[in-house]
PDB file of N, CA and C in Angstrom:
ATOM      1  N   MET A   1      12.594 -18.909 -10.572  1.00  0.00           N
ATOM      2  CA  MET A   1      11.572 -19.344  -9.647  1.00  0.00           C
ATOM      3  C   MET A   1      11.417 -18.336  -8.501  1.00  0.00           C
ATOM      4  N   ALA A   2      12.550 -17.898  -7.940  1.00  0.00           N
ATOM      5  CA  ALA A   2      12.500 -16.926  -6.847  1.00  0.00           C
ATOM      6  C   ALA A   2      11.870 -15.619  -7.314  1.00  0.00           C
ATOM      7  N   TYR A   3      12.173 -15.225  -8.552  1.00  0.00           N
ATOM      8  CA  TYR A   3      11.611 -13.987  -9.098  1.00  0.00           C
ATOM      9  C   TYR A   3      10.094 -14.045  -9.110  1.00  0.00           C
ATOM     10  N   PHE A   4       9.540 -15.149  -9.629  1.00  0.00           N
ATOM     11  CA  PHE A   4       8.087 -15.263  -9.737  1.00  0.00           C
ATOM     12  C   PHE A   4       7.428 -15.391  -8.370  1.00  0.00           C
ATOM     13  N   SER A   5       8.072 -16.086  -7.450  1.00  0.00           N
ATOM     14  CA  SER A   5       7.537 -16.197  -6.091  1.00  0.00           C
ATOM     15  C   SER A   5       7.506 -14.835  -5.418  1.00  0.00           C
ATOM     16  N   THR A   6       8.603 -14.099  -5.533  1.00  0.00           N
ATOM     17  CA  THR A   6       8.682 -12.775  -4.926  1.00  0.00           C
ATOM     18  C   THR A   6       7.674 -11.827  -5.556  1.00  0.00           C
ATOM     19  N   ARG A   7       7.513 -11.916  -6.849  1.00  0.00           N
ATOM     20  CA  ARG A   7       6.558 -11.056  -7.546  1.00  0.00           C
ATOM     21  C   ARG A   7       5.133 -11.355  -7.090  1.00  0.00           C
ATOM     22  N   LYS A   8       4.793 -12.630  -6.954  1.00  0.00           N
ATOM     23  CA  LYS A   8       3.452 -13.014  -6.518  1.00  0.00           C
ATOM     24  C   LYS A   8       3.186 -12.535  -5.101  1.00  0.00           C
ATOM     25  N   ILE A   9       4.161 -12.700  -4.215  1.00  0.00           N
ATOM     26  CA  ILE A   9       4.002 -12.240  -2.838  1.00  0.00           C
ATOM     27  C   ILE A   9       3.834 -10.726  -2.808  1.00  0.00           C
ATOM     28  N   GLY A  10       4.615 -10.003  -3.623  1.00  0.00           N
ATOM     29  CA  GLY A  10       4.490  -8.549  -3.698  1.00  0.00           C
ATOM     30  C   GLY A  10       3.128  -8.116  -4.192  1.00  0.00           C
ATOM     31  N   GLN A  11       2.572  -8.830  -5.159  1.00  0.00           N
ATOM     32  CA  GLN A  11       1.246  -8.503  -5.672  1.00  0.00           C
ATOM     33  C   GLN A  11       0.195  -8.752  -4.606  1.00  0.00           C
ATOM     34  N   MET A  12       0.360  -9.830  -3.847  1.00  0.00           N
ATOM     35  CA  MET A  12      -0.613 -10.136  -2.804  1.00  0.00           C
ATOM     36  C   MET A  12      -0.574  -9.086  -1.708  1.00  0.00           C
ATOM     37  N   LYS A  13       0.617  -8.646  -1.341  1.00  0.00           N
ATOM     38  CA  LYS A  13       0.742  -7.684  -0.254  1.00  0.00           C
ATOM     39  C   LYS A  13       0.462  -6.255  -0.700  1.00  0.00           C
ATOM     40  N   PHE A  14       0.961  -5.884  -1.869  1.00  0.00           N
ATOM     41  CA  PHE A  14       0.878  -4.495  -2.299  1.00  0.00           C
ATOM     42  C   PHE A  14      -0.024  -4.271  -3.497  1.00  0.00           C
ATOM     43  N   GLY A  15      -0.705  -5.306  -3.973  1.00  0.00           N
ATOM     44  CA  GLY A  15      -1.581  -5.184  -5.138  1.00  0.00           C
ATOM     45  C   GLY A  15      -2.718  -4.226  -4.877  1.00  0.00           C
ATOM     46  N   PRO A  16      -3.373  -3.754  -5.935  1.00  0.00           N
ATOM     47  CA  PRO A  16      -4.379  -2.720  -5.770  1.00  0.00           C
ATOM     48  C   PRO A  16      -5.561  -3.131  -4.899  1.00  0.00           C
ATOM     49  N   ASN A  17      -6.018  -4.367  -4.959  1.00  0.00           N
ATOM     50  CA  ASN A  17      -7.180  -4.768  -4.171  1.00  0.00           C
ATOM     51  C   ASN A  17      -6.847  -5.757  -3.069  1.00  0.00           C
ATOM     52  N   ARG A  18      -5.766  -6.477  -3.200  1.00  0.00           N
ATOM     53  CA  ARG A  18      -5.344  -7.474  -2.234  1.00  0.00           C
ATOM     54  C   ARG A  18      -6.484  -8.412  -1.872  1.00  0.00           C
ATOM     55  N   GLY A  19      -7.388  -8.692  -2.823  1.00  0.00           N
ATOM     56  CA  GLY A  19      -8.453  -9.646  -2.592  1.00  0.00           C
ATOM     57  C   GLY A  19      -9.676  -9.083  -1.902  1.00  0.00           C
ATOM     58  N   HIS A  20      -9.693  -7.810  -1.568  1.00  0.00           N
ATOM     59  CA  HIS A  20     -10.832  -7.212  -0.879  1.00  0.00           C
ATOM     60  C   HIS A  20     -11.577  -6.304  -1.842  1.00  0.00           C
ATOM     61  N   LYS A  21     -12.897  -6.443  -1.855  1.00  0.00           N
ATOM     62  CA  LYS A  21     -13.694  -5.636  -2.775  1.00  0.00           C
ATOM     63  C   LYS A  21     -14.137  -4.318  -2.154  1.00  0.00           C
ATOM     64  N   ASN A  22     -14.400  -4.308  -0.861  1.00  0.00           N
ATOM     65  CA  ASN A  22     -14.997  -3.140  -0.230  1.00  0.00           C
ATOM     66  C   ASN A  22     -14.096  -2.407   0.748  1.00  0.00           C
ATOM     67  N   LEU A  23     -12.947  -2.968   1.040  1.00  0.00           N
ATOM     68  CA  LEU A  23     -12.060  -2.359   2.019  1.00  0.00           C
ATOM     69  C   LEU A  23     -10.635  -2.396   1.495  1.00  0.00           C
ATOM     70  N   GLN A  24      -9.964  -1.235   1.503  1.00  0.00           N
ATOM     71  CA  GLN A  24      -8.607  -1.159   0.962  1.00  0.00           C
ATOM     72  C   GLN A  24      -7.830  -0.058   1.669  1.00  0.00           C
ATOM     73  N   ILE A  25      -6.594  -0.367   2.065  1.00  0.00           N
ATOM     74  CA  ILE A  25      -5.688   0.666   2.561  1.00  0.00           C
ATOM     75  C   ILE A  25      -5.054   1.296   1.332  1.00  0.00           C
ATOM     76  N   VAL A  26      -5.393   2.541   1.078  1.00  0.00           N
ATOM     77  CA  VAL A  26      -4.938   3.240  -0.120  1.00  0.00           C
ATOM     78  C   VAL A  26      -3.521   3.750   0.062  1.00  0.00           C
ATOM     79  N   GLU A  27      -3.242   4.288   1.243  1.00  0.00           N
ATOM     80  CA  GLU A  27      -1.925   4.860   1.493  1.00  0.00           C
ATOM     81  C   GLU A  27      -1.637   4.805   2.986  1.00  0.00           C
ATOM     82  N   ALA A  28      -0.378   4.588   3.324  1.00  0.00           N
ATOM     83  CA  ALA A  28       0.044   4.556   4.723  1.00  0.00           C
ATOM     84  C   ALA A  28       1.285   5.424   4.874  1.00  0.00           C
ATOM     85  N   LEU A  29       1.321   6.179   5.956  1.00  0.00           N
ATOM     86  CA  LEU A  29       2.458   7.055   6.218  1.00  0.00           C
ATOM     87  C   LEU A  29       2.898   6.872   7.667  1.00  0.00           C
ATOM     88  N   PRO A  30       4.112   6.364   7.886  1.00  0.00           N
ATOM     89  CA  PRO A  30       4.589   6.256   9.269  1.00  0.00           C
ATOM     90  C   PRO A  30       4.905   7.649   9.810  1.00  0.00           C
ATOM     91  N   ILE A  31       4.419   7.937  11.017  1.00  0.00           N
ATOM     92  CA  ILE A  31       4.699   9.248  11.611  1.00  0.00           C
ATOM     93  C   ILE A  31       5.674   9.135  12.777  1.00  0.00           C
ATOM     94  N   SER A  32       5.800   7.957  13.346  1.00  0.00           N
ATOM     95  CA  SER A  32       6.838   7.649  14.333  1.00  0.00           C
ATOM     96  C   SER A  32       6.852   6.133  14.509  1.00  0.00           C
ATOM     97  N   VAL A  33       7.688   5.647  15.392  1.00  0.00           N
ATOM     98  CA  VAL A  33       7.795   4.201  15.581  1.00  0.00           C
ATOM     99  C   VAL A  33       6.448   3.650  16.060  1.00  0.00           C
ATOM    100  N   GLY A  34       5.860   2.781  15.254  1.00  0.00           N
ATOM    101  CA  GLY A  34       4.598   2.143  15.625  1.00  0.00           C
ATOM    102  C   GLY A  34       3.370   3.011  15.457  1.00  0.00           C
ATOM    103  N   GLN A  35       3.487   4.176  14.831  1.00  0.00           N
ATOM    104  CA  GLN A  35       2.344   5.067  14.621  1.00  0.00           C
ATOM    105  C   GLN A  35       2.228   5.405  13.143  1.00  0.00           C
ATOM    106  N   TYR A  36       1.017   5.251  12.611  1.00  0.00           N
ATOM    107  CA  TYR A  36       0.791   5.439  11.182  1.00  0.00           C
ATOM    108  C   TYR A  36      -0.467   6.250  10.939  1.00  0.00           C
ATOM    109  N   ILE A  37      -0.470   6.944   9.800  1.00  0.00           N
ATOM    110  CA  ILE A  37      -1.672   7.592   9.276  1.00  0.00           C
ATOM    111  C   ILE A  37      -2.063   6.808   8.035  1.00  0.00           C
ATOM    112  N   TYR A  38      -3.345   6.462   7.926  1.00  0.00           N
ATOM    113  CA  TYR A  38      -3.833   5.683   6.793  1.00  0.00           C
ATOM    114  C   TYR A  38      -4.957   6.408   6.079  1.00  0.00           C
ATOM    115  N   ILE A  39      -4.963   6.287   4.757  1.00  0.00           N
ATOM    116  CA  ILE A  39      -6.145   6.613   3.968  1.00  0.00           C
ATOM    117  C   ILE A  39      -6.759   5.270   3.622  1.00  0.00           C
ATOM    118  N   VAL A  40      -8.005   5.073   4.044  1.00  0.00           N
ATOM    119  CA  VAL A  40      -8.686   3.796   3.867  1.00  0.00           C
ATOM    120  C   VAL A  40      -9.919   4.009   3.002  1.00  0.00           C
ATOM    121  N   ARG A  41     -10.086   3.140   1.996  1.00  0.00           N
ATOM    122  CA  ARG A  41     -11.303   3.178   1.177  1.00  0.00           C
ATOM    123  C   ARG A  41     -12.265   2.147   1.744  1.00  0.00           C
ATOM    124  N   VAL A  42     -13.459   2.601   2.075  1.00  0.00           N
ATOM    125  CA  VAL A  42     -14.530   1.723   2.539  1.00  0.00           C
ATOM    126  C   VAL A  42     -15.675   1.906   1.558  1.00  0.00           C
ATOM    127  N   GLY A  43     -15.921   0.886   0.734  1.00  0.00           N
ATOM    128  CA  GLY A  43     -16.898   1.033  -0.339  1.00  0.00           C
ATOM    129  C   GLY A  43     -16.376   2.054  -1.327  1.00  0.00           C
ATOM    130  N   SER A  44     -17.099   3.147  -1.486  1.00  0.00           N
ATOM    131  CA  SER A  44     -16.647   4.203  -2.398  1.00  0.00           C
ATOM    132  C   SER A  44     -16.203   5.457  -1.645  1.00  0.00           C
ATOM    133  N   ASP A  45     -16.164   5.391  -0.319  1.00  0.00           N
ATOM    134  CA  ASP A  45     -15.771   6.537   0.502  1.00  0.00           C
ATOM    135  C   ASP A  45     -14.343   6.372   1.014  1.00  0.00           C
ATOM    136  N   TYR A  46     -13.685   7.498   1.249  1.00  0.00           N
ATOM    137  CA  TYR A  46     -12.311   7.505   1.747  1.00  0.00           C
ATOM    138  C   TYR A  46     -12.280   8.141   3.132  1.00  0.00           C
ATOM    139  N   HIS A  47     -11.501   7.527   4.026  1.00  0.00           N
ATOM    140  CA  HIS A  47     -11.438   7.979   5.409  1.00  0.00           C
ATOM    141  C   HIS A  47      -9.987   8.077   5.856  1.00  0.00           C
ATOM    142  N   LEU A  48      -9.712   9.029   6.743  1.00  0.00           N
ATOM    143  CA  LEU A  48      -8.389   9.199   7.327  1.00  0.00           C
ATOM    144  C   LEU A  48      -8.413   8.593   8.725  1.00  0.00           C
ATOM    145  N   MET A  49      -7.428   7.730   9.006  1.00  0.00           N
ATOM    146  CA  MET A  49      -7.362   7.056  10.298  1.00  0.00           C
ATOM    147  C   MET A  49      -5.924   7.062  10.795  1.00  0.00           C
ATOM    148  N   THR A  50      -5.768   7.005  12.110  1.00  0.00           N
ATOM    149  CA  THR A  50      -4.446   6.818  12.699  1.00  0.00           C
ATOM    150  C   THR A  50      -4.466   5.502  13.461  1.00  0.00           C
ATOM    151  N   MET A  51      -3.308   4.833  13.473  1.00  0.00           N
ATOM    152  CA  MET A  51      -3.235   3.543  14.152  1.00  0.00           C
ATOM    153  C   MET A  51      -1.911   3.396  14.879  1.00  0.00           C
ATOM    154  N   THR A  52      -2.002   2.789  16.051  1.00  0.00           N
ATOM    155  CA  THR A  52      -0.839   2.362  16.812  1.00  0.00           C
ATOM    156  C   THR A  52      -1.043   0.890  17.143  1.00  0.00           C
ATOM    157  N   LYS A  53      -0.109   0.312  17.886  1.00  0.00           N
ATOM    158  CA  LYS A  53      -0.285  -1.082  18.287  1.00  0.00           C
ATOM    159  C   LYS A  53      -1.479  -1.239  19.223  1.00  0.00           C
ATOM    160  N   GLU A  54      -1.793  -0.206  19.978  1.00  0.00           N
ATOM    161  CA  GLU A  54      -2.842  -0.295  20.985  1.00  0.00           C
ATOM    162  C   GLU A  54      -4.212   0.172  20.517  1.00  0.00           C
ATOM    163  N   GLN A  55      -4.265   1.067  19.532  1.00  0.00           N
ATOM    164  CA  GLN A  55      -5.572   1.627  19.183  1.00  0.00           C
ATOM    165  C   GLN A  55      -5.658   2.079  17.741  1.00  0.00           C
ATOM    166  N   ILE A  56      -6.904   2.235  17.299  1.00  0.00           N
ATOM    167  CA  ILE A  56      -7.226   2.767  15.975  1.00  0.00           C
ATOM    168  C   ILE A  56      -8.120   3.978  16.205  1.00  0.00           C
ATOM    169  N   ASN A  57      -7.788   5.096  15.570  1.00  0.00           N
ATOM    170  CA  ASN A  57      -8.579   6.321  15.714  1.00  0.00           C
ATOM    171  C   ASN A  57      -9.111   6.761  14.364  1.00  0.00           C
ATOM    172  N   TYR A  58     -10.396   7.059  14.322  1.00  0.00           N
ATOM    173  CA  TYR A  58     -11.013   7.602  13.119  1.00  0.00           C
ATOM    174  C   TYR A  58     -10.852   9.116  13.163  1.00  0.00           C
ATOM    175  N   CYS A  59     -10.390   9.704  12.049  1.00  0.00           N
ATOM    176  CA  CYS A  59     -10.169  11.151  12.024  1.00  0.00           C
ATOM    177  C   CYS A  59     -11.275  11.883  11.274  1.00  0.00           C
ATOM    178  N   ILE A  60     -11.429  11.570   9.971  1.00  0.00           N
ATOM    179  CA  ILE A  60     -12.362  12.347   9.155  1.00  0.00           C
ATOM    180  C   ILE A  60     -12.646  11.619   7.844  1.00  0.00           C
ATOM    181  N   LYS A  61     -13.816  11.905   7.274  1.00  0.00           N
ATOM    182  CA  LYS A  61     -14.119  11.431   5.924  1.00  0.00           C
ATOM    183  C   LYS A  61     -13.457  12.402   4.952  1.00  0.00           C
ATOM    184  N   LEU A  62     -12.785  11.856   3.939  1.00  0.00           N
ATOM    185  CA  LEU A  62     -12.051  12.683   2.981  1.00  0.00           C
ATOM    186  C   LEU A  62     -12.862  12.901   1.713  1.00  0.00           C
ATOM    187  N   ASP A  63     -12.654  14.053   1.095  1.00  0.00           N
ATOM    188  CA  ASP A  63     -13.290  14.372  -0.179  1.00  0.00           C
ATOM    189  C   ASP A  63     -12.458  13.749  -1.298  1.00  0.00           C
ATOM    190  N   GLU A  64     -13.040  12.789  -2.010  1.00  0.00           N
ATOM    191  CA  GLU A  64     -12.315  12.062  -3.054  1.00  0.00           C
ATOM    192  C   GLU A  64     -11.754  12.993  -4.119  1.00  0.00           C
ATOM    193  N   SER A  65     -12.451  14.082  -4.424  1.00  0.00           N
ATOM    194  CA  SER A  65     -11.988  14.988  -5.479  1.00  0.00           C
ATOM    195  C   SER A  65     -10.692  15.711  -5.092  1.00  0.00           C
ATOM    196  N   LYS A  66     -10.372  15.742  -3.806  1.00  0.00           N
ATOM    197  CA  LYS A  66      -9.150  16.409  -3.358  1.00  0.00           C
ATOM    198  C   LYS A  66      -7.979  15.446  -3.165  1.00  0.00           C
ATOM    199  N   LEU A  67      -8.205  14.152  -3.431  1.00  0.00           N
ATOM    200  CA  LEU A  67      -7.149  13.149  -3.276  1.00  0.00           C
ATOM    201  C   LEU A  67      -6.486  12.863  -4.609  1.00  0.00           C
ATOM    202  N   ASP A  68      -5.190  12.620  -4.577  1.00  0.00           N
ATOM    203  CA  ASP A  68      -4.459  12.160  -5.758  1.00  0.00           C
ATOM    204  C   ASP A  68      -4.409  10.639  -5.669  1.00  0.00           C
ATOM    205  N   LEU A  69      -5.268   9.972  -6.436  1.00  0.00           N
ATOM    206  CA  LEU A  69      -5.395   8.524  -6.354  1.00  0.00           C
ATOM    207  C   LEU A  69      -4.641   7.801  -7.452  1.00  0.00           C
ATOM    208  N   ASN A  70      -3.754   8.508  -8.151  1.00  0.00           N
ATOM    209  CA  ASN A  70      -2.934   7.847  -9.167  1.00  0.00           C
ATOM    210  C   ASN A  70      -2.000   6.877  -8.474  1.00  0.00           C
ATOM    211  N   GLU A  71      -2.022   5.644  -8.939  1.00  0.00           N
ATOM    212  CA  GLU A  71      -1.217   4.604  -8.312  1.00  0.00           C
ATOM    213  C   GLU A  71       0.250   4.791  -8.664  1.00  0.00           C
ATOM    214  N   ILE A  72       1.092   4.696  -7.661  1.00  0.00           N
ATOM    215  CA  ILE A  72       2.535   4.777  -7.862  1.00  0.00           C
ATOM    216  C   ILE A  72       3.019   3.388  -8.227  1.00  0.00           C
ATOM    217  N   GLU A  73       3.784   3.324  -9.293  1.00  0.00           N
ATOM    218  CA  GLU A  73       4.304   2.034  -9.766  1.00  0.00           C
ATOM    219  C   GLU A  73       5.287   1.476  -8.741  1.00  0.00           C
ATOM    220  N   PRO A  74       5.075   0.239  -8.296  1.00  0.00           N
ATOM    221  CA  PRO A  74       6.022  -0.344  -7.339  1.00  0.00           C
ATOM    222  C   PRO A  74       7.432  -0.403  -7.920  1.00  0.00           C
ATOM    223  N   GLN A  75       8.409  -0.023  -7.136  1.00  0.00           N
ATOM    224  CA  GLN A  75       9.790   0.023  -7.587  1.00  0.00           C
ATOM    225  C   GLN A  75      10.518  -1.301  -7.377  1.00  0.00           C
ATOM    226  N   PHE A  76       9.927  -2.226  -6.630  1.00  0.00           N
ATOM    227  CA  PHE A  76      10.597  -3.479  -6.325  1.00  0.00           C
ATOM    228  C   PHE A  76      10.964  -4.234  -7.591  1.00  0.00           C
ATOM    229  N   ASP A  77      10.050  -4.270  -8.561  1.00  0.00           N
ATOM    230  CA  ASP A  77      10.311  -4.951  -9.836  1.00  0.00           C
ATOM    231  C   ASP A  77      11.584  -4.419 -10.493  1.00  0.00           C
ATOM    232  N   LYS A  78      11.719  -3.098 -10.499  1.00  0.00           N
ATOM    233  CA  LYS A  78      12.868  -2.463 -11.139  1.00  0.00           C
ATOM    234  C   LYS A  78      14.168  -2.875 -10.451  1.00  0.00           C
ATOM    235  N   TYR A  79      14.178  -2.851  -9.123  1.00  0.00           N
ATOM    236  CA  TYR A  79      15.379  -3.212  -8.382  1.00  0.00           C
ATOM    237  C   TYR A  79      15.712  -4.688  -8.529  1.00  0.00           C
ATOM    238  N   LEU A  80      14.692  -5.540  -8.541  1.00  0.00           N
ATOM    239  CA  LEU A  80      14.928  -6.974  -8.690  1.00  0.00           C
ATOM    240  C   LEU A  80      15.511  -7.285 -10.063  1.00  0.00           C
ATOM    241  N   LYS A  81      14.974  -6.658 -11.111  1.00  0.00           N
ATOM    242  CA  LYS A  81      15.502  -6.875 -12.464  1.00  0.00           C
ATOM    243  C   LYS A  81      16.959  -6.418 -12.553  1.00  0.00           C
ATOM    244  N   LYS A  82      17.270  -5.280 -11.940  1.00  0.00           N
ATOM    245  CA  LYS A  82      18.641  -4.774 -11.944  1.00  0.00           C
ATOM    246  C   LYS A  82      19.567  -5.744 -11.212  1.00  0.00           C
ATOM    247  N   PHE A  83      19.112  -6.256 -10.081  1.00  0.00           N
ATOM    248  CA  PHE A  83      19.905  -7.205  -9.302  1.00  0.00           C
ATOM    249  C   PHE A  83      20.160  -8.483 -10.095  1.00  0.00           C
ATOM    250  N   ILE A  84      19.129  -9.010 -10.742  1.00  0.00           N
ATOM    251  CA  ILE A  84      19.273 -10.237 -11.538  1.00  0.00           C
ATOM    252  C   ILE A  84      20.230 -10.005 -12.694  1.00  0.00           C
ATOM    253  N   LYS A  85      20.110  -8.851 -13.344  1.00  0.00           N
ATOM    254  CA  LYS A  85      20.985  -8.529 -14.473  1.00  0.00           C
ATOM    255  C   LYS A  85      22.441  -8.465 -14.019  1.00  0.00           C
ATOM    256  N   GLU A  86      22.693  -7.835 -12.871  1.00  0.00           N
ATOM    257  CA  GLU A  86      24.060  -7.732 -12.347  1.00  0.00           C
ATOM    258  C   GLU A  86      24.618  -9.107 -11.997  1.00  0.00           C
ATOM    259  N   LYS A  87      23.780  -9.978 -11.469  1.00  0.00           N
ATOM    260  CA  LYS A  87      24.231 -11.325 -11.100  1.00  0.00           C
ATOM    261  C   LYS A  87      24.558 -12.163 -12.332  1.00  0.00           C
ATOM    262  N   GLN A  88      23.850 -11.902 -13.442  1.00  0.00           N
ATOM    263  CA  GLN A  88      24.074 -12.663 -14.665  1.00  0.00           C
ATOM    264  C   GLN A  88      25.345 -12.219 -15.378  1.00  0.00           C
ATOM    265  N   GLU A  89      25.796 -11.009 -15.122  1.00  0.00           N
ATOM    266  CA  GLU A  89      26.991 -10.472 -15.797  1.00  0.00           C
ATOM    267  C   GLU A  89      28.258 -10.910 -15.178  1.00  0.00           C
TER     268      GLU A  89
END
């Protein structure tokens, strides 16, 4: 039961669309405490933004052909399966 609950929550938080059709955070990179760089998809365009707790800054529109948009497989599933297997042994 916990496995399926955790998996569903992970899909909701980290899933490819997270329920949004026109707006998606494609990638996030922390650059310091409370400061992040984001690649955001708005419709079919990609934009680079920076965000802190106090503000959001728009940087530039990105060229989609220069982005690597291959989705990285979430590793949480792998670690959870390993943990469950170890507990069963």
